[in-house]
C-alpha atoms as a PDB file:
ATOM      1  CA  MET A   1      56.527  71.080 -12.360  1.00  0.00           C
ATOM      2  CA  ARG A   2      53.748  74.051 -12.042  1.00  0.00           C
ATOM      3  CA  ALA A   3      50.088  72.757 -11.459  1.00  0.00           C
ATOM      4  CA  PRO A   4      47.795  73.749 -14.932  1.00  0.00           C
ATOM      5  CA  ARG A   5      46.151  76.643 -14.266  1.00  0.00           C
ATOM      6  CA  GLU A   6      42.620  76.212 -13.341  1.00  0.00           C
ATOM      7  CA  THR A   7      40.377  77.586 -15.629  1.00  0.00           C
ATOM      8  CA  LYS A   8      36.263  78.015 -15.826  1.00  0.00           C
ATOM      9  CA  VAL A   9      34.901  77.018 -19.413  1.00  0.00           C
ATOM     10  CA  PRO A  10      32.296  80.204 -20.058  1.00  0.00           C
ATOM     11  CA  ASP A  11      28.354  79.096 -20.334  1.00  0.00           C
ATOM     12  CA  PRO A  12      27.996  79.885 -23.959  1.00  0.00           C
ATOM     13  CA  THR A  13      24.173  80.944 -22.752  1.00  0.00           C
ATOM     14  CA  ASP A  14      25.837  83.655 -20.097  1.00  0.00           C
ATOM     15  CA  GLY A  15      24.687  87.273 -21.253  1.00  0.00           C
ATOM     16  CA  VAL A  16      22.870  85.628 -24.591  1.00  0.00           C
ATOM     17  CA  ALA A  17      19.394  86.772 -25.247  1.00  0.00           C
ATOM     18  CA  ALA A  18      16.830  83.983 -26.446  1.00  0.00           C
ATOM     19  CA  PRO A  19      17.275  83.933 -30.409  1.00  0.00           C
ATOM     20  CA  GLU A  20      14.929  86.570 -31.657  1.00  0.00           C
ATOM     21  CA  GLY A  21      11.093  85.840 -31.871  1.00  0.00           C
ATOM     22  CA  ARG A  22      11.552  82.260 -29.635  1.00  0.00           C
ATOM     23  CA  ASP A  23       9.163  82.393 -27.180  1.00  0.00           C
ATOM     24  CA  GLU A  24      10.494  79.933 -25.066  1.00  0.00           C
ATOM     25  CA  HIS A  25       7.244  80.220 -22.702  1.00  0.00           C
ATOM     26  CA  ALA A  26       4.971  79.586 -25.626  1.00  0.00           C
ATOM     27  CA  GLN A  27       6.596  76.487 -26.894  1.00  0.00           C
ATOM     28  CA  SER A  28       6.328  75.170 -23.609  1.00  0.00           C
ATOM     29  CA  GLU A  29       2.747  75.259 -23.594  1.00  0.00           C
ATOM     30  CA  ILE A  30       2.838  73.521 -26.766  1.00  0.00           C
ATOM     31  CA  GLU A  31       4.694  70.495 -25.361  1.00  0.00           C
ATOM     32  CA  ARG A  32       2.344  70.458 -22.582  1.00  0.00           C
ATOM     33  CA  ALA A  33      -0.522  70.148 -24.775  1.00  0.00           C
ATOM     34  CA  ILE A  34       0.956  67.905 -26.721  1.00  0.00           C
ATOM     35  CA  LEU A  35       2.278  65.441 -23.464  1.00  0.00           C
ATOM     36  CA  GLY A  36      -0.504  66.514 -21.112  1.00  0.00           C
ATOM     37  CA  SER A  37       1.984  68.014 -18.250  1.00  0.00           C
ATOM     38  CA  HIS A  38       5.008  69.330 -17.384  1.00  0.00           C
ATOM     39  CA  PRO A  39       8.696  66.965 -16.380  1.00  0.00           C
ATOM     40  CA  VAL A  40       8.484  66.498 -12.970  1.00  0.00           C
ATOM     41  CA  LEU A  41      10.450  63.428 -12.220  1.00  0.00           C
ATOM     42  CA  THR A  42      14.558  63.212 -12.246  1.00  0.00           C
ATOM     43  CA  SER A  43      15.837  60.301 -13.973  1.00  0.00           C
ATOM     44  CA  SER A  44      16.113  58.732 -10.226  1.00  0.00           C
ATOM     45  CA  GLU A  45      12.719  59.614  -9.814  1.00  0.00           C
ATOM     46  CA  LEU A  46      11.566  57.683 -13.187  1.00  0.00           C
ATOM     47  CA  ALA A  47      13.285  54.578 -12.332  1.00  0.00           C
ATOM     48  CA  GLU A  48      11.754  54.353  -8.733  1.00  0.00           C
ATOM     49  CA  ALA A  49       8.653  55.124  -9.868  1.00  0.00           C
ATOM     50  CA  ALA A  50       8.395  52.731 -12.881  1.00  0.00           C
ATOM     51  CA  GLY A  51      10.069  49.858 -10.305  1.00  0.00           C
ATOM     52  CA  VAL A  52      13.074  49.590 -12.148  1.00  0.00           C
ATOM     53  CA  THR A  53      16.599  49.877 -12.335  1.00  0.00           C
ATOM     54  CA  PRO A  54      18.204  53.380 -13.246  1.00  0.00           C
ATOM     55  CA  ASP A  55      20.180  51.358 -15.283  1.00  0.00           C
ATOM     56  CA  GLN A  56      17.181  49.253 -17.375  1.00  0.00           C
ATOM     57  CA  ALA A  57      15.169  53.277 -17.316  1.00  0.00           C
ATOM     58  CA  ARG A  58      18.446  54.547 -19.411  1.00  0.00           C
ATOM     59  CA  ARG A  59      18.424  51.826 -21.818  1.00  0.00           C
ATOM     60  CA  LEU A  60      15.085  51.998 -23.259  1.00  0.00           C
ATOM     61  CA  TRP A  61      14.537  55.963 -22.587  1.00  0.00           C
ATOM     62  CA  ARG A  62      17.888  55.605 -24.988  1.00  0.00           C
ATOM     63  CA  SER A  63      16.411  53.130 -26.737  1.00  0.00           C
ATOM     64  CA  LEU A  64      13.489  54.990 -27.605  1.00  0.00           C
ATOM     65  CA  GLY A  65      16.244  57.877 -29.476  1.00  0.00           C
ATOM     66  CA  PHE A  66      16.425  60.768 -26.746  1.00  0.00           C
ATOM     67  CA  PRO A  67      19.561  62.034 -24.989  1.00  0.00           C
ATOM     68  CA  GLU A  68      20.495  61.078 -21.316  1.00  0.00           C
ATOM     69  CA  TYR A  69      20.136  64.041 -18.680  1.00  0.00           C
ATOM     70  CA  PRO A  70      21.380  65.127 -15.726  1.00  0.00           C
ATOM     71  CA  ASP A  71      20.757  63.098 -12.839  1.00  0.00           C
ATOM     72  CA  ASP A  72      19.061  66.120 -11.332  1.00  0.00           C
ATOM     73  CA  GLN A  73      17.118  67.602 -13.901  1.00  0.00           C
ATOM     74  CA  ALA A  74      13.323  67.138 -13.960  1.00  0.00           C
ATOM     75  CA  ALA A  75      12.890  65.815 -17.484  1.00  0.00           C
ATOM     76  CA  PHE A  76      10.371  63.122 -17.426  1.00  0.00           C
ATOM     77  CA  MET A  77       6.598  62.939 -16.514  1.00  0.00           C
ATOM     78  CA  ASP A  78       4.422  60.609 -14.918  1.00  0.00           C
ATOM     79  CA  ALA A  79       3.238  59.105 -17.927  1.00  0.00           C
ATOM     80  CA  ASP A  80       6.759  58.134 -18.988  1.00  0.00           C
ATOM     81  CA  ALA A  81       7.258  56.286 -15.560  1.00  0.00           C
ATOM     82  CA  ASP A  82       3.485  54.667 -17.099  1.00  0.00           C
ATOM     83  CA  ALA A  83       4.894  53.579 -20.294  1.00  0.00           C
ATOM     84  CA  VAL A  84       8.117  52.127 -18.597  1.00  0.00           C
ATOM     85  CA  ARG A  85       6.282  49.996 -15.717  1.00  0.00           C
ATOM     86  CA  MET A  86       3.317  49.101 -18.838  1.00  0.00           C
ATOM     87  CA  LEU A  87       6.335  47.631 -20.600  1.00  0.00           C
ATOM     88  CA  LEU A  88       8.309  45.797 -17.793  1.00  0.00           C
ATOM     89  CA  GLY A  89       4.916  44.388 -16.572  1.00  0.00           C
ATOM     90  CA  VAL A  90       5.351  42.769 -20.405  1.00  0.00           C
ATOM     91  CA  VAL A  91       8.581  41.559 -19.583  1.00  0.00           C
ATOM     92  CA  ASP A  92       7.711  39.792 -16.005  1.00  0.00           C
ATOM     93  CA  THR A  93       4.984  37.684 -17.955  1.00  0.00           C
ATOM     94  CA  GLY A  94       7.550  35.908 -19.663  1.00  0.00           C
ATOM     95  CA  ILE A  95       5.811  36.770 -23.294  1.00  0.00           C
ATOM     96  CA  ILE A  96       9.035  38.703 -24.273  1.00  0.00           C
ATOM     97  CA  ASP A  97      12.614  39.165 -22.558  1.00  0.00           C
ATOM     98  CA  PHE A  98      14.161  42.593 -21.522  1.00  0.00           C
ATOM     99  CA  ASP A  99      16.787  42.603 -24.261  1.00  0.00           C
ATOM    100  CA  VAL A 100      13.424  41.960 -26.834  1.00  0.00           C
ATOM    101  CA  ALA A 101      11.594  45.197 -24.890  1.00  0.00           C
ATOM    102  CA  VAL A 102      14.292  47.335 -25.750  1.00  0.00           C
ATOM    103  CA  ASN A 103      14.827  45.879 -29.351  1.00  0.00           C
ATOM    104  CA  LEU A 104      10.951  46.735 -29.741  1.00  0.00           C
ATOM    105  CA  THR A 105      10.960  50.074 -28.431  1.00  0.00           C
ATOM    106  CA  ARG A 106      13.801  51.149 -30.165  1.00  0.00           C
ATOM    107  CA  ALA A 107      11.753  50.253 -33.128  1.00  0.00           C
ATOM    108  CA  LEU A 108       8.765  52.422 -31.749  1.00  0.00           C
ATOM    109  CA  GLY A 109      11.266  55.239 -31.130  1.00  0.00           C
ATOM    110  CA  GLN A 110      12.664  55.258 -34.686  1.00  0.00           C
ATOM    111  CA  THR A 111       9.654  54.677 -36.740  1.00  0.00           C
ATOM    112  CA  MET A 112       7.723  57.655 -34.225  1.00  0.00           C
ATOM    113  CA  ALA A 113      11.063  59.715 -34.989  1.00  0.00           C
ATOM    114  CA  ARG A 114      10.430  59.338 -38.565  1.00  0.00           C
ATOM    115  CA  LEU A 115       6.526  59.940 -38.415  1.00  0.00           C
ATOM    116  CA  ALA A 116       6.493  62.642 -35.859  1.00  0.00           C
ATOM    117  CA  ASP A 117       9.378  64.912 -38.414  1.00  0.00           C
ATOM    118  CA  TRP A 118       7.277  63.543 -41.178  1.00  0.00           C
ATOM    119  CA  GLU A 119       3.540  65.101 -39.580  1.00  0.00           C
ATOM    120  CA  VAL A 120       5.313  68.455 -38.617  1.00  0.00           C
ATOM    121  CA  SER A 121       7.251  69.204 -41.845  1.00  0.00           C
ATOM    122  CA  ALA A 122       3.655  68.658 -43.465  1.00  0.00           C
ATOM    123  CA  LEU A 123       1.274  70.252 -41.066  1.00  0.00           C
ATOM    124  CA  LEU A 124       3.213  73.829 -40.985  1.00  0.00           C
ATOM    125  CA  GLN A 125       1.888  75.106 -43.755  1.00  0.00           C
ATOM    126  CA  LYS A 126      -1.712  74.591 -42.384  1.00  0.00           C
ATOM    127  CA  VAL A 127      -0.502  76.132 -39.114  1.00  0.00           C
ATOM    128  CA  GLU A 128       0.841  79.624 -41.588  1.00  0.00           C
ATOM    129  CA  GLU A 129      -2.561  79.257 -42.930  1.00  0.00           C
ATOM    130  CA  LEU A 130      -4.604  79.114 -39.625  1.00  0.00           C
ATOM    131  CA  GLU A 131      -2.572  81.953 -38.507  1.00  0.00           C
ATOM    132  CA  GLN A 132      -2.660  84.529 -41.593  1.00  0.00           C
ATOM    133  CA  GLY A 133      -6.522  83.887 -41.849  1.00  0.00           C
ATOM    134  CA  ASP A 134      -7.881  84.695 -38.049  1.00  0.00           C
ATOM    135  CA  PRO A 135      -9.476  87.691 -38.236  1.00  0.00           C
ATOM    136  CA  SER A 136      -8.292  87.765 -34.307  1.00  0.00           C
ATOM    137  CA  GLY A 137      -4.546  88.214 -35.677  1.00  0.00           C
ATOM    138  CA  SER A 138      -3.438  84.951 -33.479  1.00  0.00           C
ATOM    139  CA  THR A 139       0.415  83.946 -33.338  1.00  0.00           C
ATOM    140  CA  ARG A 140       1.801  80.918 -35.017  1.00  0.00           C
ATOM    141  CA  ILE A 141       2.363  79.519 -31.302  1.00  0.00           C
ATOM    142  CA  GLU A 142      -1.847  79.979 -30.802  1.00  0.00           C
ATOM    143  CA  ALA A 143      -2.432  78.526 -34.245  1.00  0.00           C
ATOM    144  CA  ALA A 144      -0.088  75.466 -33.842  1.00  0.00           C
ATOM    145  CA  LEU A 145      -1.935  74.971 -30.401  1.00  0.00           C
ATOM    146  CA  ARG A 146      -5.371  75.049 -32.366  1.00  0.00           C
ATOM    147  CA  LEU A 147      -4.348  72.288 -34.626  1.00  0.00           C
ATOM    148  CA  VAL A 148      -2.615  69.880 -31.669  1.00  0.00           C
ATOM    149  CA  ALA A 149      -5.804  70.298 -30.328  1.00  0.00           C
ATOM    150  CA  GLU A 150      -7.965  69.825 -33.146  1.00  0.00           C
ATOM    151  CA  PHE A 151      -5.343  67.081 -35.044  1.00  0.00           C
ATOM    152  CA  SER A 152      -3.950  65.320 -32.342  1.00  0.00           C
ATOM    153  CA  ARG A 153      -6.920  62.918 -30.971  1.00  0.00           C
ATOM    154  CA  LEU A 154      -7.833  62.074 -34.321  1.00  0.00           C
ATOM    155  CA  PHE A 155      -4.605  60.901 -35.388  1.00  0.00           C
ATOM    156  CA  GLU A 156      -3.750  59.016 -32.654  1.00  0.00           C
ATOM    157  CA  GLY A 157      -6.739  56.892 -33.309  1.00  0.00           C
ATOM    158  CA  LEU A 158      -5.572  56.587 -37.213  1.00  0.00           C
ATOM    159  CA  LEU A 159      -2.159  55.627 -35.996  1.00  0.00           C
ATOM    160  CA  VAL A 160      -3.460  52.046 -33.691  1.00  0.00           C
ATOM    161  CA  TYR A 161      -5.350  51.505 -36.832  1.00  0.00           C
ATOM    162  CA  ALA A 162      -2.819  51.469 -39.341  1.00  0.00           C
ATOM    163  CA  TRP A 163      -0.321  49.661 -36.987  1.00  0.00           C
ATOM    164  CA  ARG A 164      -2.938  46.942 -36.507  1.00  0.00           C
ATOM    165  CA  ARG A 165      -3.421  46.451 -40.094  1.00  0.00           C
ATOM    166  CA  HIS A 166       0.297  46.431 -40.980  1.00  0.00           C
ATOM    167  CA  LEU A 167       0.907  44.063 -38.645  1.00  0.00           C
ATOM    168  CA  ALA A 168      -2.158  42.013 -39.866  1.00  0.00           C
ATOM    169  CA  ALA A 169      -0.289  42.121 -43.216  1.00  0.00           C
ATOM    170  CA  THR A 170       3.074  41.334 -42.040  1.00  0.00           C
ATOM    171  CA  VAL A 171       2.066  38.135 -40.125  1.00  0.00           C
ATOM    172  CA  ALA A 172       0.137  37.065 -43.228  1.00  0.00           C
ATOM    173  CA  ARG A 173       2.786  37.355 -45.686  1.00  0.00           C
ATOM    174  CA  ILE A 174       5.417  36.144 -43.246  1.00  0.00           C
ATOM    175  CA  GLU A 175       3.005  33.077 -42.490  1.00  0.00           C
ATOM    176  CA  ALA A 176       2.951  32.471 -46.819  1.00  0.00           C
ATOM    177  CA  LEU A 177       6.306  33.126 -47.539  1.00  0.00           C
ATOM    178  CA  SER A 178       7.770  30.632 -44.819  1.00  0.00           C
ATOM    179  CA  ALA A 179       5.265  28.161 -44.918  1.00  0.00           C
ATOM    180  CA  ASN A 180       7.998  25.871 -45.496  1.00  0.00           C
ATOM    181  CA  GLU A 181      11.186  27.198 -43.745  1.00  0.00           C
ATOM    182  CA  GLU A 182      12.546  26.803 -40.806  1.00  0.00           C
ATOM    183  CA  ASP A 183      13.463  30.292 -39.958  1.00  0.00           C
ATOM    184  CA  LEU A 184      10.839  32.695 -40.055  1.00  0.00           C
ATOM    185  CA  HIS A 185      13.383  35.345 -40.536  1.00  0.00           C
ATOM    186  CA  THR A 186      14.469  34.440 -44.073  1.00  0.00           C
ATOM    187  CA  VAL A 187      11.667  34.594 -46.999  1.00  0.00           C
ATOM    188  CA  GLU A 188      13.012  34.733 -51.279  1.00  0.00           C
ATOM    189  CA  VAL A 189      11.763  38.000 -52.460  1.00  0.00           C
ATOM    190  CA  THR A 190      12.530  39.912 -55.836  1.00  0.00           C
ATOM    191  CA  VAL A 191      14.406  43.380 -54.110  1.00  0.00           C
ATOM    192  CA  GLY A 192      14.126  46.712 -56.133  1.00  0.00           C
ATOM    193  CA  PHE A 193      16.828  49.269 -55.851  1.00  0.00           C
ATOM    194  CA  ALA A 194      15.687  53.030 -57.755  1.00  0.00           C
ATOM    195  CA  ASP A 195      17.199  55.812 -57.903  1.00  0.00           C
ATOM    196  CA  ILE A 196      17.616  59.485 -59.310  1.00  0.00           C
ATOM    197  CA  VAL A 197      20.420  59.831 -62.267  1.00  0.00           C
ATOM    198  CA  GLY A 198      23.038  62.975 -61.223  1.00  0.00           C
ATOM    199  CA  PHE A 199      21.006  63.702 -58.357  1.00  0.00           C
ATOM    200  CA  THR A 200      24.042  65.700 -56.625  1.00  0.00           C
ATOM    201  CA  ALA A 201      24.613  67.509 -59.346  1.00  0.00           C
ATOM    202  CA  LEU A 202      21.202  68.154 -59.872  1.00  0.00           C
ATOM    203  CA  SER A 203      20.500  69.502 -56.019  1.00  0.00           C
ATOM    204  CA  ASN A 204      23.586  71.372 -56.618  1.00  0.00           C
ATOM    205  CA  THR A 205      21.513  73.432 -59.556  1.00  0.00           C
ATOM    206  CA  LEU A 206      18.540  73.763 -56.983  1.00  0.00           C
ATOM    207  CA  THR A 207      17.210  75.877 -54.174  1.00  0.00           C
ATOM    208  CA  GLN A 208      16.540  74.137 -50.911  1.00  0.00           C
ATOM    209  CA  GLU A 209      12.778  74.525 -51.159  1.00  0.00           C
ATOM    210  CA  ARG A 210      12.929  72.820 -54.547  1.00  0.00           C
ATOM    211  CA  ILE A 211      15.150  69.587 -53.278  1.00  0.00           C
ATOM    212  CA  GLY A 212      13.485  69.050 -50.937  1.00  0.00           C
ATOM    213  CA  ASP A 213       9.691  69.595 -53.259  1.00  0.00           C
ATOM    214  CA  LEU A 214      11.528  66.833 -55.603  1.00  0.00           C
ATOM    215  CA  VAL A 215      12.894  64.185 -52.632  1.00  0.00           C
ATOM    216  CA  GLU A 216       8.673  64.300 -51.393  1.00  0.00           C
ATOM    217  CA  LEU A 217       7.313  64.041 -55.028  1.00  0.00           C
ATOM    218  CA  PHE A 218       9.966  61.039 -55.842  1.00  0.00           C
ATOM    219  CA  GLU A 219       9.307  59.359 -52.655  1.00  0.00           C
ATOM    220  CA  VAL A 220       5.371  59.672 -52.820  1.00  0.00           C
ATOM    221  CA  ARG A 221       5.062  58.648 -56.386  1.00  0.00           C
ATOM    222  CA  CYS A 222       7.704  55.755 -55.713  1.00  0.00           C
ATOM    223  CA  ALA A 223       5.538  54.828 -52.926  1.00  0.00           C
ATOM    224  CA  ASP A 224       2.080  55.136 -54.949  1.00  0.00           C
ATOM    225  CA  VAL A 225       3.675  52.545 -57.398  1.00  0.00           C
ATOM    226  CA  VAL A 226       4.927  50.052 -55.391  1.00  0.00           C
ATOM    227  CA  ALA A 227       2.079  49.829 -52.784  1.00  0.00           C
ATOM    228  CA  THR A 228      -0.192  49.298 -56.257  1.00  0.00           C
ATOM    229  CA  HIS A 229       2.094  46.482 -57.193  1.00  0.00           C
ATOM    230  CA  ARG A 230       1.432  44.632 -53.994  1.00  0.00           C
ATOM    231  CA  GLY A 231       4.712  45.596 -52.776  1.00  0.00           C
ATOM    232  CA  ARG A 232       6.866  47.643 -49.400  1.00  0.00           C
ATOM    233  CA  ILE A 233       8.868  49.615 -48.955  1.00  0.00           C
ATOM    234  CA  ILE A 234      11.561  49.372 -47.145  1.00  0.00           C
ATOM    235  CA  LYS A 235      13.424  52.437 -46.450  1.00  0.00           C
ATOM    236  CA  SER A 236      13.727  55.641 -48.839  1.00  0.00           C
ATOM    237  CA  ILE A 237      17.061  57.698 -48.990  1.00  0.00           C
ATOM    238  CA  GLY A 238      16.257  60.960 -49.865  1.00  0.00           C
ATOM    239  CA  ASP A 239      17.574  59.772 -53.592  1.00  0.00           C
ATOM    240  CA  SER A 240      16.923  56.353 -54.171  1.00  0.00           C
ATOM    241  CA  VAL A 241      13.830  53.545 -52.624  1.00  0.00           C
ATOM    242  CA  LEU A 242      14.863  50.531 -52.157  1.00  0.00           C
ATOM    243  CA  PHE A 243      11.507  48.151 -51.969  1.00  0.00           C
ATOM    244  CA  VAL A 244      10.620  44.369 -51.920  1.00  0.00           C
ATOM    245  CA  ASN A 245       8.171  42.507 -53.893  1.00  0.00           C
ATOM    246  CA  ASP A 246       6.929  38.393 -53.320  1.00  0.00           C
ATOM    247  CA  ASP A 247       6.417  38.310 -56.844  1.00  0.00           C
ATOM    248  CA  PRO A 248       9.542  38.915 -59.437  1.00  0.00           C
ATOM    249  CA  ILE A 249       6.564  39.619 -62.152  1.00  0.00           C
ATOM    250  CA  ASP A 250       5.070  42.178 -59.279  1.00  0.00           C
ATOM    251  CA  ALA A 251       8.810  43.770 -58.712  1.00  0.00           C
ATOM    252  CA  TYR A 252       9.123  44.135 -62.844  1.00  0.00           C
ATOM    253  CA  ASP A 253       6.062  45.919 -62.775  1.00  0.00           C
ATOM    254  CA  THR A 254       6.802  48.190 -59.777  1.00  0.00           C
ATOM    255  CA  ALA A 255      10.195  48.662 -61.507  1.00  0.00           C
ATOM    256  CA  GLU A 256       8.500  49.589 -64.956  1.00  0.00           C
ATOM    257  CA  GLY A 257       5.683  51.950 -63.038  1.00  0.00           C
ATOM    258  CA  ILE A 258       8.164  53.557 -61.152  1.00  0.00           C
ATOM    259  CA  ILE A 259      10.147  54.600 -64.541  1.00  0.00           C
ATOM    260  CA  HIS A 260       6.651  55.520 -65.861  1.00  0.00           C
ATOM    261  CA  VAL A 261       5.886  58.235 -63.397  1.00  0.00           C
ATOM    262  CA  ILE A 262       9.266  59.622 -62.955  1.00  0.00           C
ATOM    263  CA  GLY A 263      11.700  59.488 -65.708  1.00  0.00           C
ATOM    264  CA  ARG A 264       8.867  59.370 -68.263  1.00  0.00           C
ATOM    265  CA  ASP A 265       7.512  63.255 -67.096  1.00  0.00           C
ATOM    266  CA  PRO A 266       9.452  66.027 -68.330  1.00  0.00           C
ATOM    267  CA  ARG A 267       9.320  67.537 -65.145  1.00  0.00           C
ATOM    268  CA  MET A 268      10.965  65.206 -62.867  1.00  0.00           C
ATOM    269  CA  PRO A 269      14.971  63.804 -63.285  1.00  0.00           C
ATOM    270  CA  ASP A 270      15.514  60.248 -64.718  1.00  0.00           C
ATOM    271  CA  VAL A 271      15.684  57.008 -62.491  1.00  0.00           C
ATOM    272  CA  ARG A 272      17.350  53.864 -62.785  1.00  0.00           C
ATOM    273  CA  VAL A 273      16.383  50.493 -61.507  1.00  0.00           C
ATOM    274  CA  GLY A 274      18.133  47.458 -60.523  1.00  0.00           C
ATOM    275  CA  LEU A 275      15.867  44.379 -59.574  1.00  0.00           C
ATOM    276  CA  ALA A 276      17.661  40.865 -58.042  1.00  0.00           C
ATOM    277  CA  SER A 277      15.681  37.745 -56.463  1.00  0.00           C
ATOM    278  CA  GLY A 278      16.895  35.302 -53.703  1.00  0.00           C
ATOM    279  CA  THR A 279      16.685  34.845 -49.672  1.00  0.00           C
ATOM    280  CA  VAL A 280      16.838  37.945 -47.456  1.00  0.00           C
ATOM    281  CA  VAL A 281      17.095  37.971 -44.271  1.00  0.00           C
ATOM    282  CA  LEU A 282      14.184  40.451 -42.114  1.00  0.00           C
ATOM    283  CA  ARG A 283      15.754  42.003 -38.987  1.00  0.00           C
ATOM    284  CA  MET A 284      14.236  45.646 -37.728  1.00  0.00           C
ATOM    285  CA  GLY A 285      11.760  46.342 -40.834  1.00  0.00           C
ATOM    286  CA  ASP A 286      15.056  46.041 -42.968  1.00  0.00           C
ATOM    287  CA  VAL A 287      15.939  43.241 -45.223  1.00  0.00           C
ATOM    288  CA  PHE A 288      19.693  42.087 -45.187  1.00  0.00           C
ATOM    289  CA  GLY A 289      21.670  39.841 -47.700  1.00  0.00           C
ATOM    290  CA  PRO A 290      23.092  39.471 -51.529  1.00  0.00           C
ATOM    291  CA  PRO A 291      19.990  40.352 -53.187  1.00  0.00           C
ATOM    292  CA  VAL A 292      20.006  43.608 -51.499  1.00  0.00           C
ATOM    293  CA  ASN A 293      22.996  44.719 -52.449  1.00  0.00           C
ATOM    294  CA  LEU A 294      23.160  43.528 -55.653  1.00  0.00           C
ATOM    295  CA  ALA A 295      19.996  45.161 -56.601  1.00  0.00           C
ATOM    296  CA  SER A 296      21.620  48.728 -55.465  1.00  0.00           C
ATOM    297  CA  ARG A 297      24.711  47.807 -57.365  1.00  0.00           C
ATOM    298  CA  LEU A 298      22.906  47.211 -60.774  1.00  0.00           C
ATOM    299  CA  THR A 299      21.807  50.469 -60.630  1.00  0.00           C
ATOM    300  CA  GLY A 300      24.509  52.385 -61.979  1.00  0.00           C
ATOM    301  CA  VAL A 301      24.994  49.243 -65.002  1.00  0.00           C
ATOM    302  CA  ALA A 302      21.293  50.484 -65.782  1.00  0.00           C
ATOM    303  CA  ARG A 303      20.694  53.216 -68.506  1.00  0.00           C
ATOM    304  CA  ARG A 304      18.463  55.902 -67.627  1.00  0.00           C
ATOM    305  CA  ASN A 305      15.040  55.066 -67.514  1.00  0.00           C
ATOM    306  CA  ARG A 306      15.454  51.644 -67.815  1.00  0.00           C
ATOM    307  CA  ILE A 307      15.620  48.252 -65.762  1.00  0.00           C
ATOM    308  CA  ILE A 308      18.658  46.056 -65.145  1.00  0.00           C
ATOM    309  CA  VAL A 309      18.014  42.470 -63.298  1.00  0.00           C
ATOM    310  CA  ASP A 310      20.191  40.022 -62.327  1.00  0.00           C
ATOM    311  CA  GLY A 311      20.218  36.449 -63.479  1.00  0.00           C
ATOM    312  CA  ALA A 312      17.990  34.660 -61.287  1.00  0.00           C
ATOM    313  CA  THR A 313      15.705  37.010 -61.471  1.00  0.00           C
ATOM    314  CA  ALA A 314      15.763  36.192 -64.813  1.00  0.00           C
ATOM    315  CA  GLU A 315      15.241  32.848 -64.849  1.00  0.00           C
ATOM    316  CA  LEU A 316      12.128  33.422 -62.691  1.00  0.00           C
ATOM    317  CA  LEU A 317      10.568  35.460 -65.267  1.00  0.00           C
ATOM    318  CA  PRO A 318       8.228  33.954 -67.996  1.00  0.00           C
ATOM    319  CA  GLY A 319       9.450  33.538 -71.062  1.00  0.00           C
ATOM    320  CA  ASP A 320       5.970  33.958 -72.656  1.00  0.00           C
ATOM    321  CA  GLN A 321       5.523  37.504 -71.275  1.00  0.00           C
ATOM    322  CA  PHE A 322       9.112  38.821 -70.950  1.00  0.00           C
ATOM    323  CA  GLU A 323      12.195  39.409 -73.358  1.00  0.00           C
ATOM    324  CA  THR A 324      15.724  39.031 -71.690  1.00  0.00           C
ATOM    325  CA  ARG A 325      19.156  40.039 -73.007  1.00  0.00           C
ATOM    326  CA  ARG A 326      22.144  39.511 -71.122  1.00  0.00           C
ATOM    327  CA  LEU A 327      24.789  42.114 -71.183  1.00  0.00           C
ATOM    328  CA  PRO A 328      29.064  41.910 -71.295  1.00  0.00           C
ATOM    329  CA  ALA A 329      30.000  40.880 -67.950  1.00  0.00           C
ATOM    330  CA  ARG A 330      31.362  43.501 -65.807  1.00  0.00           C
ATOM    331  CA  PRO A 331      33.241  44.117 -62.420  1.00  0.00           C
ATOM    332  CA  VAL A 332      30.701  44.839 -59.351  1.00  0.00           C
ATOM    333  CA  ARG A 333      31.834  45.752 -56.251  1.00  0.00           C
ATOM    334  CA  GLY A 334      31.224  42.814 -53.545  1.00  0.00           C
ATOM    335  CA  PHE A 335      30.396  40.465 -56.727  1.00  0.00           C
ATOM    336  CA  GLY A 336      32.873  40.433 -59.111  1.00  0.00           C
ATOM    337  CA  LEU A 337      32.299  39.147 -62.675  1.00  0.00           C
ATOM    338  CA  VAL A 338      28.289  39.860 -63.402  1.00  0.00           C
ATOM    339  CA  GLU A 339      26.470  39.317 -66.270  1.00  0.00           C
ATOM    340  CA  PRO A 340      23.572  41.882 -65.766  1.00  0.00           C
ATOM    341  CA  VAL A 341      20.613  41.016 -67.853  1.00  0.00           C
ATOM    342  CA  ALA A 342      18.057  43.846 -69.428  1.00  0.00           C
ATOM    343  CA  VAL A 343      14.232  42.567 -69.694  1.00  0.00           C
ATOM    344  CA  ARG A 344      11.215  43.962 -71.166  1.00  0.00           C
ATOM    345  CA  ARG A 345       8.042  42.896 -72.014  1.00  0.00           C
ATOM    346  CA  HIS A 346       7.715  41.417 -74.960  1.00  0.00           C
END
């Protein structure tokens, strides 16, 4: 049998110039301004400096949401080794084990990744304004460096403050909700799911910029309403928002508020909101359980700019404040036949 012909896989970057307008040196300067130094350690050197095994270092790095690098590539800084050493120091005290450390690192990585994307998107316009308003004719990279120097330190302080405030609020909330429960991971809440009606068809008629503006405005308005009524946004997925309230009346007020600021605004699309109550599991900053799935399914039943609830939520709403009307039973995926309930205030 003839041996297969050995071929060399071409390097796609051979003979290809850097994209027009891209200044790799300037980009490196921005990274240095943010991180404080340049990468100097390989993965094995990082593990040695941090006093961990290479496998532990790789697991922690992946959990932060970053790709692995070739063993011979200097991709890490001394600060990376310090962070790993600090985290493993907590493990050594016995407060948490390594698996919990990886789990917390994953939560941190996912949260910070979204925050960084959000932050950069919000500041891009400011960078362009600085670039255009500088009489000395500075470049966009120079404007970005100025913004990093002026903004980062102040924002870091705000970041720690916000984390402490939310940590205290979460501990107090779980303590209150689970005072009589053996499992602190399960709580009784009302779950709300709000989505934009016909978003797919609508997005096909809009420019990319307009779609981005619409989604941002939808999320911002929903977040304001949820916070006003003592709820929490669990996650947003472009055209929909998942939220929870500890009290079903607050959940209804949240749903009604979302319809008011979105569906009743002639400049915004219509929305539908579903509410379901029951026991959910708290994990990784998310909630799981039948009420979550049912709230999502109920939006498919709701009419435009209307609230539909499940039977459990209807029973929790005081009869002297709310009027409920059971709708014909219909099949709901994963739940069989369900009788949705239309609800409104007296």
